[in-house]
Protein backbone atom coordinates (compact mmCIF):
# COMPACT_ATOMS: atom_id res chain seq x y z
CA MET A 1 -11.33 10.05 5.43
CA PHE A 2 -14.90 9.01 4.55
CA ASN A 3 -15.10 5.27 5.17
CA LEU A 4 -17.65 2.46 5.22
CA ALA A 5 -18.72 3.32 8.75
CA ASP A 6 -19.33 6.96 7.75
CA ALA A 7 -21.50 5.71 4.88
CA MET A 8 -23.64 3.64 7.25
CA ILE A 9 -24.15 6.59 9.59
CA ALA A 10 -25.08 8.91 6.71
CA ALA A 11 -27.48 6.31 5.30
CA HIS A 12 -29.31 6.03 8.63
CA GLN A 13 -29.60 9.79 8.79
CA GLU A 14 -31.18 9.82 5.34
CA LEU A 15 -33.59 6.94 6.00
CA GLU A 16 -34.60 7.77 9.56
CA TYR A 17 -34.43 11.56 9.65
CA ASN A 18 -34.38 12.55 5.96
CA ARG A 19 -31.22 14.53 6.53
CA ASN A 20 -27.54 14.07 5.80
CA PRO A 21 -24.56 16.25 4.87
CA VAL A 22 -25.75 16.78 1.27
CA ASP A 23 -29.55 16.77 1.74
CA GLY A 24 -30.20 13.57 -0.17
CA GLN A 25 -29.29 14.76 -3.66
CA GLN A 26 -30.65 12.47 -6.39
CA VAL A 27 -28.09 11.55 -9.07
CA ASP A 28 -28.00 9.24 -12.08
CA VAL A 29 -24.89 7.07 -11.85
CA PRO A 30 -23.65 5.15 -14.93
CA ILE A 31 -22.06 1.84 -13.96
CA ARG A 32 -20.15 -0.64 -16.10
CA LEU A 33 -20.97 -3.91 -14.35
CA ASP A 34 -18.48 -6.73 -13.89
CA ASN A 35 -20.40 -8.67 -16.56
CA LYS A 36 -19.62 -5.76 -18.99
CA LYS A 37 -23.24 -4.58 -19.08
CA GLN A 38 -23.76 -0.82 -18.91
CA ILE A 39 -26.53 0.48 -16.65
CA THR A 40 -27.56 3.82 -15.20
CA ILE A 41 -29.31 3.88 -11.84
CA ARG A 42 -30.77 6.72 -9.82
CA LEU A 43 -29.22 6.91 -6.38
CA THR A 44 -29.41 9.19 -3.38
CA TYR A 45 -26.03 10.75 -2.65
CA ILE A 46 -25.46 10.63 1.11
CA GLY A 47 -21.89 11.84 1.52
CA GLY A 48 -18.28 11.25 0.73
CA GLY A 49 -14.72 12.48 0.52
CA ALA A 50 -12.03 12.56 -2.12
CA PHE A 51 -11.74 8.77 -2.27
CA THR A 52 -15.19 7.38 -1.44
CA LYS A 53 -18.66 8.55 -2.48
CA ALA A 54 -21.66 6.90 -0.79
CA PHE A 55 -25.18 6.47 -2.14
CA LEU A 56 -28.44 4.72 -1.26
CA ASP A 57 -30.62 2.89 -3.75
CA ASP A 58 -34.41 2.59 -3.53
CA ALA A 59 -34.12 -0.70 -1.64
CA GLY A 60 -31.95 0.80 1.11
CA THR A 61 -28.73 -0.81 -0.12
CA VAL A 62 -25.57 1.23 0.37
CA VAL A 63 -23.64 1.81 -2.86
CA LEU A 64 -20.00 2.88 -2.54
CA ALA A 65 -17.82 4.36 -5.27
CA THR A 66 -14.15 4.21 -4.28
CA ARG A 67 -10.88 5.36 -5.84
CA GLU A 68 -8.24 2.67 -5.55
CA GLU A 69 -5.35 3.88 -7.71
CA PRO A 70 -1.92 3.87 -6.03
CA PRO A 71 -0.22 5.44 -4.20
CA TYR A 72 -3.26 7.02 -2.54
CA GLY A 73 -6.01 4.47 -3.13
CA GLU A 74 -8.50 3.33 -0.49
CA MET A 75 -8.41 -0.48 -0.62
CA THR A 76 -10.52 -1.57 2.36
CA LYS A 77 -13.61 -2.27 0.21
CA ARG A 78 -11.46 -4.34 -2.14
CA LEU A 79 -10.28 -6.36 0.86
CA LEU A 80 -13.84 -6.98 2.10
CA SER A 81 -15.05 -7.88 -1.38
CA MET A 82 -12.16 -10.30 -1.86
CA ILE A 83 -13.07 -11.98 1.42
CA GLN A 84 -16.69 -12.32 0.30
CA ASP A 85 -15.55 -13.92 -2.95
CA SER A 86 -13.81 -16.63 -0.92
CA PHE A 87 -17.10 -17.75 0.66
CA THR A 88 -19.64 -20.22 -0.68
CA GLU A 89 -23.39 -20.31 -0.09
CA ASP A 90 -22.79 -23.20 2.29
CA ASN A 91 -20.28 -21.46 4.58
CA ARG A 92 -21.27 -17.76 4.43
CA TYR A 93 -23.29 -18.11 7.66
CA LEU A 94 -20.09 -18.95 9.54
CA TRP A 95 -18.66 -15.48 8.83
CA VAL A 96 -21.42 -13.19 10.08
CA ASN A 97 -18.95 -10.68 11.56
CA ILE A 98 -17.46 -9.76 8.16
CA PRO A 99 -19.31 -7.03 6.21
CA ASP A 100 -21.10 -8.29 3.12
CA VAL A 101 -19.37 -5.97 0.64
CA THR A 102 -19.60 -6.93 -3.05
CA HIS A 103 -17.82 -5.44 -6.06
CA ILE A 104 -20.30 -4.83 -8.90
CA GLY A 105 -18.45 -2.67 -11.43
CA GLN A 106 -16.89 0.70 -12.21
CA THR A 107 -18.04 4.25 -12.77
CA GLY A 108 -16.50 7.58 -13.73
CA LEU A 109 -17.06 10.57 -11.44
CA MET A 110 -15.74 14.10 -11.48
CA VAL A 111 -13.05 14.98 -8.92
CA LYS A 112 -11.77 18.56 -8.95
CA GLY A 113 -13.03 18.97 -12.51
CA LYS A 114 -11.36 15.78 -13.75
CA GLY A 115 -13.05 12.51 -14.74
CA THR A 116 -11.84 9.81 -12.36
CA LEU A 117 -12.34 6.04 -12.28
CA PHE A 118 -14.12 4.65 -9.22
CA GLU A 119 -14.74 1.01 -8.26
CA VAL A 120 -18.35 0.36 -7.23
CA TYR A 121 -19.38 -1.82 -4.28
CA THR A 122 -22.64 -2.62 -2.52
CA SER A 123 -23.31 -3.38 1.12
CA PRO A 124 -26.35 -4.02 3.33
CA LEU A 125 -27.22 -1.21 5.69
CA TYR A 126 -25.76 -1.97 9.11
CA GLN A 127 -26.45 -0.21 12.41
CA ALA A 128 -23.46 2.06 13.00
CA PRO A 129 -21.78 3.19 15.12
CA LEU A 130 -21.89 0.29 17.56
CA PRO A 131 -24.63 1.30 20.04
CA SER A 132 -23.96 1.43 23.76
CA ASP A 133 -26.82 -1.04 24.33
CA ALA A 134 -25.46 -3.61 21.88
CA PRO A 135 -25.79 -7.28 22.94
CA LEU A 136 -23.23 -8.52 25.45
CA ASP A 137 -21.40 -10.68 22.92
CA ALA A 138 -20.88 -7.75 20.55
CA ARG A 139 -19.69 -5.40 23.29
CA LYS A 140 -17.25 -7.96 24.71
CA GLN A 141 -15.90 -8.81 21.26
CA ALA A 142 -15.36 -5.13 20.47
CA GLN A 143 -13.55 -4.51 23.75
CA PHE A 144 -11.38 -7.59 23.25
CA LEU A 145 -10.34 -6.44 19.77
CA ARG A 146 -9.45 -2.96 21.01
CA ASN A 147 -7.36 -4.45 23.81
CA ARG A 148 -5.48 -6.76 21.44
CA ILE A 149 -4.78 -3.94 18.97
CA LYS A 150 -3.40 -1.81 21.81
CA ALA A 151 -1.23 -4.68 23.03
CA ALA A 152 0.14 -5.33 19.51
CA PHE A 153 1.10 -1.66 19.15
CA LYS A 154 2.98 -1.80 22.46
CA LYS A 155 5.01 -4.77 21.21
CA SER A 156 5.89 -3.08 17.91
CA SER A 157 9.32 -1.48 17.68
CA TYR A 158 8.41 1.98 16.44
CA ASP A 159 9.70 5.15 18.06
CA LYS A 160 6.98 5.84 20.62
CA ALA A 161 8.69 9.00 21.88
CA SER A 162 8.86 10.76 18.52
CA GLY A 163 5.73 9.20 17.04
CA ALA A 164 7.77 8.23 13.98
CA MET A 165 5.99 6.90 10.91
CA PHE A 166 5.43 3.18 10.63
CA PRO A 167 7.66 1.73 7.92
CA GLU A 168 6.55 -1.43 6.14
CA ALA A 169 8.64 -3.62 8.44
CA VAL A 170 6.93 -2.29 11.55
CA CYS A 171 3.45 -2.65 10.02
CA LYS A 172 4.26 -6.27 9.25
CA GLU A 173 5.52 -6.68 12.80
CA PHE A 174 2.26 -5.26 14.13
CA ILE A 175 0.18 -7.62 11.97
CA SER A 176 2.30 -10.59 13.05
CA ASN A 177 1.96 -9.63 16.72
CA ILE A 178 -1.80 -9.23 16.65
CA TYR A 179 -2.37 -12.40 14.63
CA LYS A 180 -0.37 -14.53 17.05
CA ASP A 181 -2.00 -12.86 20.06
CA ILE A 182 -5.61 -13.23 18.88
CA SER A 183 -5.02 -16.86 17.84
CA LYS A 184 -4.51 -17.75 21.49
CA TYR A 185 -8.09 -16.78 22.37
CA LYS A 186 -10.09 -19.02 20.01
CA TYR A 187 -11.36 -21.13 22.88
CA LYS A 188 -11.14 -18.53 25.64
CA PRO A 189 -14.34 -16.46 25.38
CA PHE A 190 -14.90 -13.57 27.74
CA LYS A 191 -17.18 -14.33 30.67
CA GLY A 192 -20.83 -14.45 29.63
CA CYS A 193 -20.10 -14.78 25.90
CA ASP A 194 -21.50 -17.52 23.68
CA PRO A 195 -18.49 -19.80 22.88
CA ILE A 196 -19.68 -20.51 19.32
CA LYS A 197 -20.17 -16.83 18.51
CA TRP A 198 -16.82 -16.08 20.12
CA LEU A 199 -15.00 -18.70 18.03
CA ARG A 200 -16.59 -17.42 14.80
CA PHE A 201 -15.63 -13.84 15.71
CA ILE A 202 -12.00 -14.81 16.36
CA GLN A 203 -11.85 -16.80 13.12
CA ALA A 204 -13.32 -13.84 11.21
CA VAL A 205 -10.67 -11.44 12.53
CA LEU A 206 -7.88 -13.92 11.74
CA LEU A 207 -9.18 -14.48 8.20
CA MET A 208 -9.34 -10.73 7.60
CA ILE A 209 -5.77 -10.33 8.82
CA GLU A 210 -4.53 -13.18 6.62
CA LEU A 211 -6.16 -11.92 3.43
CA SER A 212 -5.27 -8.29 4.09
CA GLN A 213 -1.65 -9.15 3.39
CA LEU A 214 -2.50 -10.05 -0.20
CA ILE A 215 -3.43 -6.41 -0.84
CA SER A 216 -0.96 -4.35 1.20
CA LYS A 217 1.91 -4.82 3.62
CA THR A 218 1.24 -1.53 5.41
CA TRP A 219 -2.11 -2.20 7.05
CA LEU A 220 -2.73 -1.12 10.61
CA MET A 221 -5.86 -1.75 12.67
CA GLU A 222 -8.26 0.23 14.85
CA ALA A 223 -11.62 -0.61 16.39
CA PRO A 224 -13.44 2.37 17.94
CA ASP A 225 -17.21 1.99 18.20
CA ARG A 226 -17.60 4.32 15.23
CA ASN A 227 -15.86 1.74 13.01
CA LEU A 228 -18.04 -1.13 14.21
CA ALA A 229 -21.70 -2.00 13.70
CA LEU A 230 -24.50 -4.50 14.29
CA ASP A 231 -26.49 -6.51 11.80
CA ASP A 232 -30.20 -7.25 12.17
CA GLU A 233 -29.40 -10.28 14.34
CA GLY A 234 -27.26 -8.32 16.79
CA ASN A 235 -23.94 -9.68 15.52
CA LEU A 236 -20.86 -7.47 15.68
CA ILE A 237 -19.88 -6.26 12.19
CA LEU A 238 -16.21 -5.40 11.63
CA LEU A 239 -16.88 -2.47 9.30
CA ASP A 240 -13.59 -0.56 9.21
CA ILE A 241 -10.94 -2.22 11.34
CA PHE A 242 -8.13 -1.80 8.76
CA PHE A 243 -6.49 1.23 7.21
CA ASP A 244 -3.48 1.43 4.90
CA TYR A 245 -1.00 3.58 6.77
CA GLN A 246 1.27 4.18 3.79
CA ALA A 247 -1.62 5.34 1.59
CA LEU A 248 -2.77 7.64 4.41
CA ILE A 249 0.72 9.15 4.70
CA ASN A 250 0.88 9.60 0.91
CA ARG A 251 -2.44 11.48 0.88
CA GLU A 252 -1.43 13.75 3.74
CA ARG A 253 2.06 14.37 2.29
CA ASP A 254 0.73 15.32 -1.16
CA ASN A 255 -2.44 17.02 0.10
CA VAL A 256 -4.64 14.77 -2.03
């Protein structure tokens, strides 16, 4: 599954080394903007899968075209965009850990010889994956999140022996477990961490969990370094900490 983190890695390969999986193919992409205006922009194609195509524009902005139709759709960009829409200019600085993903319109791309509707998003270029020499706050936050995800899985009542699929009820149980668990740590930063940065990080994760439930009830979470990033100020960016388990199962079941 080609995700936002994969797009960041491919973009860095193109900008820094002039190489990526598709050799920087230039394409003209027609986009119907949210304001109904039609534009065509030349972009550098940097990679993708069946559900997300990633591009770079001349300014180094990452442009993502994503299929969202059920039951297979990839909705993580929609989630991040919805979160951005909830911010104002006055409070955006409080949420530095949440990727700045913005929905700008729609485009039609060919998939297996068939014209297919894609939603179009933009994002700044973040440093991904999370580097081993990331600032202490970012490394501690990442480790904390991984630990809490692992603990929430252990509390969930799925069949660990058989590795049975997660039904909706168990996904909801997982989300409830991790939300309650993380809430306890708002004012308990790891040793050496800035308490203000820690509080903002915890609040960002909680907000993402809350709003994720407006889109799907079958989200699960993961936080390997590959799915995390840094911004230019050294803040941890929560690039791809959610995935829709039911949509993933649907794609694998139907070989989509």
